[in-house]
Structures are given as structure tokens and as C-alpha cells.
Amino acid sequence: MYIGKRYYSNESTYHVFGAKEAAEVHAASCRVLQEQGMLVKHEEARELLKQAGALVEGEKVFIGASLVERSLKQLPSRVAVFDRDGEPAMFLEGRNVYYGSGSDTVNLLDYESRGRRAWTKADVQNAVRICDALPNIDFIMSMGIISDVPFEVNTREQYSQMILNSAKPHVVVADNARDLEDIFKMYIAVRGGAEALRMKPFAVVYNEPTSPLLHSFEAIDKLMLCARYGVPTNYAAGGMAGATTPISPAGTVVLNNAECLLGIVIHQLTNPGAPFVYGFGNSPMDMRTLQCCYALPGAIRIQSGMCEMAHYYNLPCWGEAGNGCSKICDEQAVEEAAQFIQMAALQGCNLTHDIGYLDFGLSYSLELLVISDDIIARTKEVMAGVEINEAALSVDEIKQAGYNGNYLRAASTRKAAKEDWRSDLGDYMTYDNWSAAGSKSMGERAHAKVLKIIEEYKPKEIDGAIKEKIDEIVGRAY
């Protein structure tokens, strides 16, 4: 297994169902597509579907299983994503797992006052730089909606801050195809041409239908544009179990899978073989508060089912972790983030976003982002498994230490003392030493780390000529 830039042989997994059940889910989703159909609000897409053999009645589209399965066979099982410099950064395949931030929260949490405020452009810049500095954040999303620029240029400004302040890969959002065209122009300014971008993409475009059974013009338009450019995209339905999808995890997986499959068909009819990342995001609705609740066990089970389907289709998958319902970066936030991060690794969720989300995705905590980076590092160490070889089995050391001996002077002990993993934010001092050092909690240490990165970290600069092109593209949108 490959996580970040380290290889592991451990194949520890978590399954909510197997291949037999996945085949049943697929068959049920195909029944939904053929018997119930879906609304497709895009005339060009409906025409493509009709020419491919789908039944089109106004805006309703009905698709047979053969068209679905033909489209699935055309998809690549591996999507490589590169960094800004053109170096390989993520291989979305198998059970490789990568973690990144989320996008478009309304509020930024202030750690000390516990208050919320709107994001500014400078805040997004700082947040991107923090992601760039954290070693276990593999890709970057915008994190916040920028309040001090006109809303119609928000996504362009978000992306310009991402590309200027980090060399890591990105997942980007766009309100419509016009926004996305400008983002692709920024891509091309960095890569030097559309074909170079196709060969070495450094972003995945986030896209989604509307549950239940609705595919908006904007969503399909962006999906088809990604296919034409050959830029990887997902088509991730964002449902709420019990509200916009069935309450049962299996029913939710069936419905969201059907919506994703329709996206795959349109995507592949537009450009056969174009790269695609399978997945969706669904959290149960709390029937007491009518709130969509992130990171509940039900949400984790639904994502596990989605990952099972991705592995069944042999496709890269998209999911979430490191998020939750807590309003501040407290014990609940860390509990929710930690369990979901660990489960994403066991699920083999290739592209795992939303690290740092709080308050059901309405707010963002930079301290939770930093703590989650630490949790991801811990998770990688757990997933590394146990090495078995002649030296590790330690028979000679056991004989040398003998009866009632110790291993303090053993060469392997001295080596481990230099290499053994320790949390950057963890405390391993005695109580007296911890007290003398200020008695700081992990939250306080995380806050200090956020401030230190903002004050001291300098990302790798982009070429000045490229920066001018990006500034020009954003400027034309005003």
C-alpha cells in the first residue's frame, strides 16, 4: 500500500460487504437507471445518451445496463496526479490513500475566542501555506469561501491562491464551466500547453449531481468539459441518508451509485478513456435536529460501501475524513477526525478530503487541520504493519541478553531510539517537566504551530512570468 510518499506492504482492510453483495448493489443501481430513470438538464448530454441507445423522454433519461457496463470498461483503473513541478505526487489506484483539506466553508474558527468569522483572501493564502508545510497533507482544497472579493470570482481567486502558495496537487471547485475554463487556463499557464496538462495533471476537479436523481446543467457541463480536456474529475453525489437518499446504508449506496454511474456514462460518451475518480459523500440526517451529521458511524459505513463499489469496479475512489459535527476544536472534534482518518486508511479510500472541517462543513479549524496531520502520521505508522526478517526476529539478541537481561545496549535499540516515530504535537515528558514547560494541551500546541507556520513558512515560489499570467486570468474576470 502507498500512502503519501512511503510504501507499505500491510494489506489491513475493513469491509462492510464483499464482491457478491457489490454485484447486487450494481444490479440494483442499474435497475434504478433503467426503470426509474433520471432528470438530465443538459440538452447536449441527452443527445449523446440518445445516440448511444438510451431512452430519452423530455428531460428524463433511461439507461440500460449494457451502456453502463460498456462505459465502465473504458475507464482507466489508475489516475496519476502530479505536483506543480511535474513530479509524480499521487497514484490513485488500489488501496493507496491520500489526505487533503476541504473546500468552501463559510466560517473560519478563531481558536482563542472560539468565534466564527468570514474568510478573507489572506486567510485562504495562510491556510494553503499551512497545508503546504504539513508533511502528511497530500493535496489541497481551498478551505474557505473568500468574502472580500466579488462572489462571481471567488473560485478563480481560490485557485490562484492555491497554485501560487503550494506546489502540492489540488482538488478544485468551480461554479460553472466558464469558471472552470479559466481554472484550466491557469493550469495550462503552469504546464505550458493543454497536451502537457493532459499528460501530467496536477488537479482533480470536484463535481456533483443533486440527489435524488437530478443532474443539473452546470454539473453536466463541467463534467463534459473535464472529459474534453482529459483532466481527472469525480462526480460525487452529496446526499443525506433519510432526507435525499434512503435511510438504509445499502439503499443510499444504490441511489448514489446510480447517480455516479450516469455521470460515468456521460463522461465516457464525451471522451472515451478520460480519467475519472469514483465516489460520493453521504451523511445521515439526524431526525431530532434535521441536521446532516458528518463522521457518524452511519456516515463511515456508507463511505465504506462506496469504497467497496470502487474496488469492485476497479476504479480510484473519493471520500472524506478528518471532519465532524463539533463546533470548536475540542475533544469531540479530535475523536471524530481520528476515527474517520483511520477508517479511510482501512477502507482504501484513495482521495480523502475534508481534513479540518467542523460544524457539519460550515466552519473550518486550522488547529484541527494541524492535529489531523499528526493523526494521519500516526495512522501511517499503524498501517505499516510489522516487519518480519532474520534481524527483526531478534533470536541472536535474545540469546545474548540471556536470563534476566535487558536490551538497552542492543544495536537495534540504539537504532530505534533515533528512528522511532513520535508525534510532533504529542507530549512525552513527565508530569513535572510538562508542568514546568507551561502545562499546554495539544490544542494549545496546535494553535502555536499554526501561528508559527503563518509567521515563518515560505512556500516554493512560482515563476514570475507564470504568476503574471495567472493574475491576468483572474483580473479579466472582474
Protein backbone atom coordinates (compact mmCIF):
# COMPACT_ATOMS: atom_id res chain seq x y z
CA MET A 1 0.00 0.00 0.00
CA TYR A 2 1.20 3.52 -0.82
CA ILE A 3 0.33 6.40 1.47
CA GLY A 4 1.89 9.78 0.75
CA LYS A 5 5.40 9.04 -0.46
CA ARG A 6 6.06 5.90 1.59
CA TYR A 7 5.41 2.30 0.60
CA TYR A 8 3.85 -0.27 2.92
CA SER A 9 3.16 -3.95 2.47
CA ASN A 10 0.37 -4.16 5.04
CA GLU A 11 -2.97 -5.06 3.44
CA SER A 12 -5.18 -4.50 6.51
CA THR A 13 -8.71 -3.72 5.35
CA TYR A 14 -12.22 -3.14 6.57
CA HIS A 15 -15.22 -4.46 4.63
CA VAL A 16 -18.94 -3.82 5.05
CA PHE A 17 -19.75 -6.28 2.26
CA GLY A 18 -17.99 -8.41 -0.32
CA ALA A 19 -17.91 -8.90 -4.08
CA LYS A 20 -21.20 -10.84 -4.15
CA GLU A 21 -23.04 -8.00 -2.39
CA ALA A 22 -21.30 -5.40 -4.59
CA ALA A 23 -22.67 -7.19 -7.64
CA GLU A 24 -26.15 -6.97 -6.10
CA VAL A 25 -25.71 -3.23 -5.46
CA HIS A 26 -24.59 -2.75 -9.07
CA ALA A 27 -27.62 -4.67 -10.38
CA ALA A 28 -29.97 -2.62 -8.18
CA SER A 29 -28.40 0.64 -9.38
CA CYS A 30 -28.83 -0.47 -12.99
CA ARG A 31 -32.50 -1.15 -12.26
CA VAL A 32 -32.87 2.42 -10.96
CA LEU A 33 -31.27 3.75 -14.14
CA GLN A 34 -33.40 1.63 -16.42
CA GLU A 35 -36.77 1.57 -14.61
CA GLN A 36 -36.89 4.94 -12.77
CA GLY A 37 -34.51 6.97 -14.92
CA MET A 38 -33.08 10.38 -14.04
CA LEU A 39 -33.53 14.02 -14.92
CA VAL A 40 -30.72 15.38 -17.09
CA LYS A 41 -30.89 19.17 -17.52
CA HIS A 42 -28.33 19.28 -20.35
CA GLU A 43 -29.52 19.02 -23.95
CA GLU A 44 -26.16 18.03 -25.46
CA ALA A 45 -25.73 15.27 -22.88
CA ARG A 46 -29.25 13.97 -23.56
CA GLU A 47 -28.46 13.83 -27.27
CA LEU A 48 -25.26 11.87 -26.62
CA LEU A 49 -27.20 9.44 -24.45
CA LYS A 50 -29.94 9.06 -27.05
CA GLN A 51 -27.41 8.31 -29.80
CA ALA A 52 -25.82 5.70 -27.53
CA GLY A 53 -29.13 3.87 -27.09
CA ALA A 54 -30.68 5.45 -24.01
CA LEU A 55 -34.39 6.21 -23.91
CA VAL A 56 -34.94 9.97 -23.67
CA GLU A 57 -38.36 11.41 -22.81
CA GLY A 58 -38.08 15.16 -22.44
CA GLU A 59 -35.53 15.66 -19.67
CA LYS A 60 -35.95 12.11 -18.37
CA VAL A 61 -33.29 9.59 -19.38
CA PHE A 62 -33.47 5.79 -19.02
CA ILE A 63 -30.27 3.77 -19.46
CA GLY A 64 -29.76 0.05 -19.96
CA ALA A 65 -27.13 -1.96 -18.09
CA SER A 66 -25.14 -2.68 -21.25
CA LEU A 67 -24.39 1.03 -21.76
CA VAL A 68 -23.29 1.35 -18.12
CA GLU A 69 -21.00 -1.66 -18.31
CA ARG A 70 -19.51 -0.56 -21.63
CA SER A 71 -18.66 2.82 -20.10
CA LEU A 72 -17.12 1.22 -17.00
CA LYS A 73 -14.80 -0.87 -19.18
CA GLN A 74 -13.45 2.27 -20.87
CA LEU A 75 -12.31 3.91 -17.63
CA PRO A 76 -8.67 3.77 -16.52
CA SER A 77 -8.19 1.94 -13.21
CA ARG A 78 -5.29 4.22 -12.29
CA VAL A 79 -5.13 8.01 -12.21
CA ALA A 80 -1.74 9.65 -11.67
CA VAL A 81 -1.70 13.19 -10.29
CA PHE A 82 1.45 15.32 -10.37
CA ASP A 83 2.63 18.32 -8.40
CA ARG A 84 3.12 21.84 -9.74
CA ASP A 85 6.67 21.00 -10.82
CA GLY A 86 5.55 17.97 -12.85
CA GLU A 87 6.76 15.35 -10.37
CA PRO A 88 4.54 12.33 -9.55
CA ALA A 89 2.66 13.02 -6.32
CA MET A 90 -0.38 10.71 -6.07
CA PHE A 91 -1.20 7.38 -7.70
CA LEU A 92 -4.94 6.90 -7.29
CA GLU A 93 -5.33 3.13 -7.54
CA GLY A 94 -5.78 0.02 -5.45
CA ARG A 95 -5.71 0.80 -1.72
CA ASN A 96 -3.36 3.80 -1.85
CA VAL A 97 -4.60 6.53 0.49
CA TYR A 98 -4.01 10.30 0.29
CA TYR A 99 -5.39 13.02 2.56
CA GLY A 100 -6.25 16.65 1.85
CA SER A 101 -8.27 19.62 3.05
CA GLY A 102 -11.83 20.50 2.01
CA SER A 103 -13.33 23.48 0.19
CA ASP A 104 -15.83 26.30 0.58
CA THR A 105 -16.61 26.52 4.28
CA VAL A 106 -18.40 29.73 5.21
CA ASN A 107 -16.64 30.35 8.52
CA LEU A 108 -13.09 30.32 9.84
CA LEU A 109 -12.89 29.47 13.54
CA ASP A 110 -10.80 31.66 15.82
CA TYR A 111 -9.09 29.34 18.27
CA GLU A 112 -8.73 31.75 21.17
CA SER A 113 -12.11 33.49 21.07
CA ARG A 114 -13.97 30.39 19.76
CA GLY A 115 -15.83 32.78 17.49
CA ARG A 116 -16.50 32.43 13.78
CA ARG A 117 -15.84 34.91 11.01
CA ALA A 118 -15.93 35.06 7.24
CA TRP A 119 -12.83 34.03 5.30
CA THR A 120 -10.67 36.67 3.62
CA LYS A 121 -8.33 36.20 0.70
CA ALA A 122 -5.39 36.49 3.12
CA ASP A 123 -6.91 33.73 5.28
CA VAL A 124 -7.08 31.36 2.31
CA GLN A 125 -3.49 32.19 1.45
CA ASN A 126 -2.39 31.39 5.02
CA ALA A 127 -4.43 28.17 5.10
CA VAL A 128 -2.91 26.98 1.81
CA ARG A 129 0.58 27.68 3.13
CA ILE A 130 -0.18 25.69 6.27
CA CYS A 131 -1.26 22.74 4.10
CA ASP A 132 1.90 23.11 2.05
CA ALA A 133 4.02 22.99 5.22
CA LEU A 134 2.30 19.94 6.75
CA PRO A 135 4.06 16.74 5.64
CA ASN A 136 1.01 14.46 5.76
CA ILE A 137 -1.39 16.66 3.82
CA ASP A 138 -1.03 15.30 0.30
CA PHE A 139 -3.33 17.63 -1.64
CA ILE A 140 -5.02 20.97 -1.13
CA MET A 141 -8.51 22.37 -1.50
CA SER A 142 -9.49 25.99 -0.92
CA MET A 143 -10.97 25.51 2.60
CA GLY A 144 -12.97 28.76 2.61
CA ILE A 145 -15.25 30.96 0.52
CA ILE A 146 -13.47 34.31 0.12
CA SER A 147 -15.71 37.11 1.41
CA ASP A 148 -13.64 40.16 0.40
CA VAL A 149 -13.84 39.60 -3.38
CA PRO A 150 -16.93 39.58 -5.63
CA PHE A 151 -18.67 36.21 -5.31
CA GLU A 152 -18.55 35.57 -9.07
CA VAL A 153 -14.72 35.49 -8.99
CA ASN A 154 -14.43 33.53 -5.74
CA THR A 155 -13.40 30.19 -7.27
CA ARG A 156 -10.81 31.83 -9.53
CA GLU A 157 -9.31 33.68 -6.57
CA GLN A 158 -9.35 30.49 -4.51
CA TYR A 159 -7.46 28.61 -7.17
CA SER A 160 -4.94 31.38 -7.75
CA GLN A 161 -4.08 31.29 -4.03
CA MET A 162 -3.75 27.50 -4.16
CA ILE A 163 -1.47 27.46 -7.17
CA LEU A 164 0.69 30.40 -6.05
CA ASN A 165 1.19 29.22 -2.47
CA SER A 166 1.71 25.48 -2.79
CA ALA A 167 3.43 23.05 -5.14
CA LYS A 168 1.21 20.19 -3.92
CA PRO A 169 -1.59 18.77 -6.10
CA HIS A 170 -5.05 20.32 -5.85
CA VAL A 171 -8.70 19.42 -5.90
CA VAL A 172 -10.63 22.38 -7.27
CA VAL A 173 -14.23 23.51 -7.42
CA ALA A 174 -15.96 25.79 -9.93
CA ASP A 175 -19.46 27.23 -10.06
CA ASN A 176 -19.84 26.66 -13.79
CA ALA A 177 -17.94 25.80 -16.97
CA ARG A 178 -16.86 29.44 -17.51
CA ASP A 179 -15.12 29.44 -14.13
CA LEU A 180 -13.60 26.06 -14.91
CA GLU A 181 -12.30 27.24 -18.29
CA ASP A 182 -10.36 30.00 -16.50
CA ILE A 183 -9.00 27.49 -14.00
CA PHE A 184 -7.85 25.31 -16.89
CA LYS A 185 -6.15 28.36 -18.40
CA MET A 186 -4.22 28.71 -15.14
CA TYR A 187 -3.32 25.00 -15.34
CA ILE A 188 -2.06 25.49 -18.87
CA ALA A 189 -0.04 28.56 -17.90
CA VAL A 190 1.86 26.35 -15.45
CA ARG A 191 2.24 23.30 -17.69
CA GLY A 192 2.90 25.21 -20.92
CA GLY A 193 0.15 23.63 -23.00
CA ALA A 194 -3.07 21.63 -22.97
CA GLU A 195 -1.38 18.39 -24.02
CA ALA A 196 1.24 18.73 -21.27
CA LEU A 197 -1.60 19.23 -18.79
CA ARG A 198 -3.33 16.09 -20.08
CA MET A 199 -0.14 14.10 -19.61
CA LYS A 200 0.68 15.50 -16.17
CA PRO A 201 -2.50 16.74 -14.45
CA PHE A 202 -1.93 18.37 -11.08
CA ALA A 203 -5.52 18.77 -10.00
CA VAL A 204 -8.75 16.82 -9.79
CA VAL A 205 -12.00 18.70 -10.39
CA TYR A 206 -14.73 18.21 -7.80
CA ASN A 207 -18.19 17.88 -9.34
CA GLU A 208 -21.54 16.60 -8.14
CA PRO A 209 -25.11 15.78 -9.18
CA THR A 210 -28.09 16.64 -6.96
CA SER A 211 -29.69 13.79 -5.06
CA PRO A 212 -32.14 12.36 -5.67
CA LEU A 213 -31.94 11.63 -9.42
CA LEU A 214 -31.22 15.16 -10.69
CA HIS A 215 -28.29 16.21 -12.88
CA SER A 216 -28.09 19.98 -13.29
CA PHE A 217 -26.90 21.76 -16.40
CA GLU A 218 -23.88 23.19 -14.55
CA ALA A 219 -22.78 19.83 -13.15
CA ILE A 220 -23.00 18.06 -16.52
CA ASP A 221 -21.40 20.98 -18.34
CA LYS A 222 -18.35 20.85 -16.04
CA LEU A 223 -18.23 17.05 -16.25
CA MET A 224 -18.12 17.14 -20.05
CA LEU A 225 -15.53 19.92 -20.06
CA CYS A 226 -13.24 17.83 -17.85
CA ALA A 227 -13.67 14.89 -20.20
CA ARG A 228 -12.74 17.01 -23.22
CA TYR A 229 -9.61 18.36 -21.51
CA GLY A 230 -8.68 14.95 -20.13
CA VAL A 231 -8.43 16.40 -16.61
CA PRO A 232 -9.42 13.95 -13.83
CA THR A 233 -12.78 14.63 -12.21
CA ASN A 234 -15.19 12.98 -9.83
CA TYR A 235 -18.97 13.12 -9.87
CA ALA A 236 -19.73 12.85 -6.18
CA ALA A 237 -23.36 12.92 -5.14
CA GLY A 238 -23.72 14.67 -1.79
CA GLY A 239 -26.79 13.04 -0.29
CA MET A 240 -28.30 12.92 3.20
CA ALA A 241 -29.49 9.49 4.28
CA GLY A 242 -33.09 9.75 5.43
CA ALA A 243 -33.67 13.00 3.52
CA THR A 244 -32.39 12.90 -0.06
CA THR A 245 -31.42 9.20 -0.08
CA PRO A 246 -32.93 6.15 1.65
CA ILE A 247 -32.24 5.80 5.38
CA SER A 248 -30.62 2.37 4.95
CA PRO A 249 -26.90 2.45 4.10
CA ALA A 250 -27.49 -0.11 1.32
CA GLY A 251 -30.28 1.99 -0.23
CA THR A 252 -28.14 5.12 -0.09
CA VAL A 253 -25.25 3.33 -1.80
CA VAL A 254 -27.62 2.07 -4.52
CA LEU A 255 -29.04 5.54 -5.24
CA ASN A 256 -25.75 7.46 -5.11
CA ASN A 257 -24.04 4.74 -7.12
CA ALA A 258 -26.72 5.03 -9.81
CA GLU A 259 -26.19 8.81 -9.95
CA CYS A 260 -22.44 8.35 -10.23
CA LEU A 261 -22.87 5.71 -12.95
CA LEU A 262 -24.93 8.11 -15.05
CA GLY A 263 -22.11 10.64 -14.72
CA ILE A 264 -19.62 8.00 -15.85
CA VAL A 265 -21.72 7.21 -18.94
CA ILE A 266 -21.95 10.87 -19.99
CA HIS A 267 -18.25 11.41 -19.21
CA GLN A 268 -17.17 8.44 -21.32
CA LEU A 269 -19.52 9.26 -24.20
CA THR A 270 -17.85 12.69 -24.30
CA ASN A 271 -14.30 11.32 -24.36
CA PRO A 272 -13.78 7.56 -24.01
CA GLY A 273 -10.95 6.69 -21.65
CA ALA A 274 -10.80 10.10 -19.93
CA PRO A 275 -9.72 9.78 -16.26
CA PHE A 276 -12.42 9.60 -13.61
CA VAL A 277 -12.45 9.25 -9.81
CA TYR A 278 -15.46 7.31 -8.48
CA GLY A 279 -17.22 8.23 -5.29
CA PHE A 280 -19.79 10.20 -3.39
CA GLY A 281 -20.25 11.79 0.02
CA ASN A 282 -23.26 10.99 2.17
CA SER A 283 -24.02 11.66 5.82
CA PRO A 284 -27.16 10.64 7.71
CA MET A 285 -29.69 13.26 8.74
CA ASP A 286 -30.26 13.47 12.50
CA MET A 287 -34.03 13.17 12.75
CA ARG A 288 -34.02 15.08 16.06
CA THR A 289 -32.32 18.19 14.67
CA LEU A 290 -32.79 17.71 10.88
CA GLN A 291 -29.04 18.29 10.60
CA CYS A 292 -26.76 16.39 8.21
CA CYS A 293 -24.19 14.91 10.61
CA TYR A 294 -20.62 14.31 9.45
CA ALA A 295 -18.44 11.46 10.76
CA LEU A 296 -21.20 9.48 12.48
CA PRO A 297 -20.74 5.69 12.33
CA GLY A 298 -23.52 5.63 9.73
CA ALA A 299 -21.58 8.03 7.50
CA ILE A 300 -18.47 5.86 7.83
CA ARG A 301 -20.45 2.74 6.91
CA ILE A 302 -21.88 4.45 3.83
CA GLN A 303 -18.40 5.54 2.75
CA SER A 304 -17.16 2.00 3.34
CA GLY A 305 -19.88 0.75 0.99
CA MET A 306 -18.87 3.34 -1.59
CA CYS A 307 -15.24 2.22 -1.36
CA GLU A 308 -16.36 -1.41 -1.79
CA MET A 309 -18.07 -0.40 -5.05
CA ALA A 310 -14.99 1.48 -6.26
CA HIS A 311 -12.83 -1.59 -5.63
CA TYR A 312 -15.49 -3.77 -7.31
CA TYR A 313 -15.34 -1.53 -10.40
CA ASN A 314 -11.52 -1.30 -10.11
CA LEU A 315 -11.72 2.49 -10.08
CA PRO A 316 -9.97 5.17 -7.99
CA CYS A 317 -12.24 6.36 -5.21
CA TRP A 318 -13.04 9.63 -3.47
CA GLY A 319 -14.14 10.13 0.12
CA GLU A 320 -13.72 12.18 3.26
CA ALA A 321 -12.25 12.11 6.79
CA GLY A 322 -10.82 14.38 9.47
CA ASN A 323 -14.14 16.18 9.88
CA GLY A 324 -17.13 16.21 12.20
CA CYS A 325 -20.03 17.89 13.94
CA SER A 326 -18.24 19.66 16.80
CA LYS A 327 -18.38 23.46 16.72
CA ILE A 328 -14.84 24.00 18.03
CA CYS A 329 -11.55 22.13 18.01
CA ASP A 330 -12.27 20.13 21.15
CA GLU A 331 -12.24 16.50 22.30
CA GLN A 332 -15.27 15.63 20.16
CA ALA A 333 -13.62 17.11 17.07
CA VAL A 334 -10.46 15.07 17.59
CA GLU A 335 -12.44 11.89 18.33
CA GLU A 336 -14.47 12.25 15.12
CA ALA A 337 -11.47 13.22 12.99
CA ALA A 338 -9.26 10.43 14.30
CA GLN A 339 -11.74 7.60 13.77
CA PHE A 340 -12.61 8.68 10.24
CA ILE A 341 -8.94 9.14 9.25
CA GLN A 342 -8.13 5.64 10.48
CA MET A 343 -11.19 4.18 8.76
CA ALA A 344 -10.33 5.85 5.44
CA ALA A 345 -6.99 4.03 5.54
CA LEU A 346 -8.72 0.71 6.25
CA GLN A 347 -11.29 1.41 3.51
CA GLY A 348 -8.55 2.09 0.94
CA CYS A 349 -10.15 5.46 0.14
CA ASN A 350 -7.71 6.85 -2.43
CA LEU A 351 -8.52 10.56 -2.36
CA THR A 352 -9.72 11.56 1.11
CA HIS A 353 -10.73 15.20 1.60
CA ASP A 354 -12.35 17.48 4.21
CA ILE A 355 -9.50 17.37 6.75
CA GLY A 356 -10.23 20.26 9.15
CA TYR A 357 -14.00 20.57 8.63
CA LEU A 358 -16.17 21.28 11.68
CA ASP A 359 -19.78 22.24 12.29
CA PHE A 360 -21.17 19.93 9.55
CA GLY A 361 -18.87 21.55 6.95
CA LEU A 362 -19.91 25.11 7.75
CA SER A 363 -16.71 26.01 9.62
CA TYR A 364 -13.01 25.28 9.37
CA SER A 365 -10.38 24.89 12.08
CA LEU A 366 -6.70 25.37 11.25
CA GLU A 367 -5.86 23.77 14.60
CA LEU A 368 -7.86 20.64 13.69
CA LEU A 369 -6.01 20.61 10.36
CA VAL A 370 -2.68 20.56 12.21
CA ILE A 371 -3.85 17.93 14.71
CA SER A 372 -5.22 15.81 11.85
CA ASP A 373 -1.83 15.96 10.12
CA ASP A 374 -0.49 14.36 13.30
CA ILE A 375 -3.29 11.76 13.32
CA ILE A 376 -2.52 10.88 9.69
CA ALA A 377 1.15 10.37 10.59
CA ARG A 378 0.08 8.08 13.44
CA THR A 379 -2.26 6.21 11.09
CA LYS A 380 0.54 5.63 8.59
CA GLU A 381 2.69 4.13 11.31
CA VAL A 382 -0.11 1.82 12.42
CA MET A 383 -0.76 0.75 8.81
CA ALA A 384 2.94 -0.01 8.29
CA GLY A 385 2.47 -3.40 9.89
CA VAL A 386 5.28 -5.47 11.43
CA GLU A 387 8.47 -6.31 9.58
CA ILE A 388 9.43 -9.99 9.63
CA ASN A 389 13.02 -10.90 8.72
CA GLU A 390 16.06 -12.50 10.34
CA ALA A 391 17.21 -9.32 12.06
CA ALA A 392 13.73 -8.31 13.25
CA LEU A 393 13.06 -11.76 14.75
CA SER A 394 15.99 -10.99 17.10
CA VAL A 395 16.95 -14.55 18.05
CA ASP A 396 20.66 -13.62 18.46
CA GLU A 397 19.75 -10.63 20.65
CA ILE A 398 17.51 -12.80 22.81
CA LYS A 399 20.35 -15.30 23.32
CA GLN A 400 22.84 -12.52 24.03
CA ALA A 401 20.65 -10.84 26.66
CA GLY A 402 20.04 -14.18 28.31
CA TYR A 403 18.17 -14.77 31.54
CA ASN A 404 17.01 -11.67 33.41
CA GLY A 405 18.96 -9.42 30.99
CA ASN A 406 17.95 -6.30 29.11
CA TYR A 407 18.15 -4.82 25.64
CA LEU A 408 19.18 -1.27 26.47
CA ARG A 409 22.61 -1.67 24.86
CA ALA A 410 21.44 -3.66 21.84
CA ALA A 411 22.32 -2.11 18.48
CA SER A 412 18.69 -2.39 17.36
CA THR A 413 17.55 -0.47 20.45
CA ARG A 414 20.00 2.34 19.79
CA LYS A 415 18.91 2.45 16.15
CA ALA A 416 15.22 2.53 17.13
CA ALA A 417 15.86 5.38 19.55
CA LYS A 418 16.90 7.51 16.59
CA GLU A 419 14.21 6.35 14.19
CA ASP A 420 11.15 5.55 16.29
CA TRP A 421 8.06 7.59 15.47
CA ARG A 422 6.97 10.41 17.75
CA SER A 423 4.09 12.82 17.35
CA ASP A 424 5.13 16.39 16.58
CA LEU A 425 2.29 17.62 18.79
CA GLY A 426 2.36 14.88 21.40
CA ASP A 427 3.80 15.23 24.89
CA TYR A 428 6.12 12.53 26.27
CA MET A 429 7.53 14.32 29.31
CA THR A 430 6.98 13.54 32.97
CA TYR A 431 4.21 15.49 34.70
CA ASP A 432 6.72 17.76 36.44
CA ASN A 433 8.57 18.57 33.22
CA TRP A 434 5.30 19.11 31.33
CA SER A 435 4.09 21.44 34.07
CA ALA A 436 7.37 23.36 34.05
CA ALA A 437 7.08 23.76 30.27
CA GLY A 438 3.73 25.55 30.59
CA SER A 439 1.18 22.72 31.04
CA LYS A 440 0.00 23.12 27.46
CA SER A 441 -2.73 20.96 25.93
CA MET A 442 -2.49 19.52 22.44
CA GLY A 443 -4.95 22.18 21.26
CA GLU A 444 -2.69 24.92 22.57
CA ARG A 445 0.36 23.33 20.96
CA ALA A 446 -1.56 23.06 17.66
CA HIS A 447 -2.51 26.73 17.85
CA ALA A 448 1.14 27.68 18.43
CA LYS A 449 2.13 25.60 15.40
CA VAL A 450 -0.48 27.36 13.23
CA LEU A 451 0.89 30.76 14.24
CA LYS A 452 4.49 29.65 13.70
CA ILE A 453 3.77 28.42 10.16
CA ILE A 454 1.89 31.60 9.26
CA GLU A 455 4.72 33.77 10.56
CA GLU A 456 7.71 31.80 9.29
CA TYR A 457 6.88 29.38 6.47
CA LYS A 458 7.72 30.39 2.91
CA PRO A 459 6.34 28.18 0.11
CA LYS A 460 8.32 27.50 -3.02
CA GLU A 461 7.81 30.47 -5.32
CA ILE A 462 6.29 30.12 -8.75
CA ASP A 463 7.95 31.55 -11.85
CA GLY A 464 7.24 35.28 -12.17
CA ALA A 465 6.01 35.04 -15.77
CA ILE A 466 3.52 32.32 -14.79
CA LYS A 467 2.31 34.41 -11.85
CA GLU A 468 1.64 37.32 -14.22
CA LYS A 469 -0.46 35.07 -16.47
CA ILE A 470 -2.48 33.80 -13.51
CA ASP A 471 -3.04 37.34 -12.22
CA GLU A 472 -4.17 38.38 -15.70
CA ILE A 473 -6.67 35.50 -15.96
CA VAL A 474 -8.16 36.34 -12.56
CA GLY A 475 -8.16 40.06 -13.32
CA ARG A 476 -10.17 39.60 -16.51
CA ALA A 477 -12.97 38.00 -14.51
CA TYR A 478 -13.66 41.19 -12.53
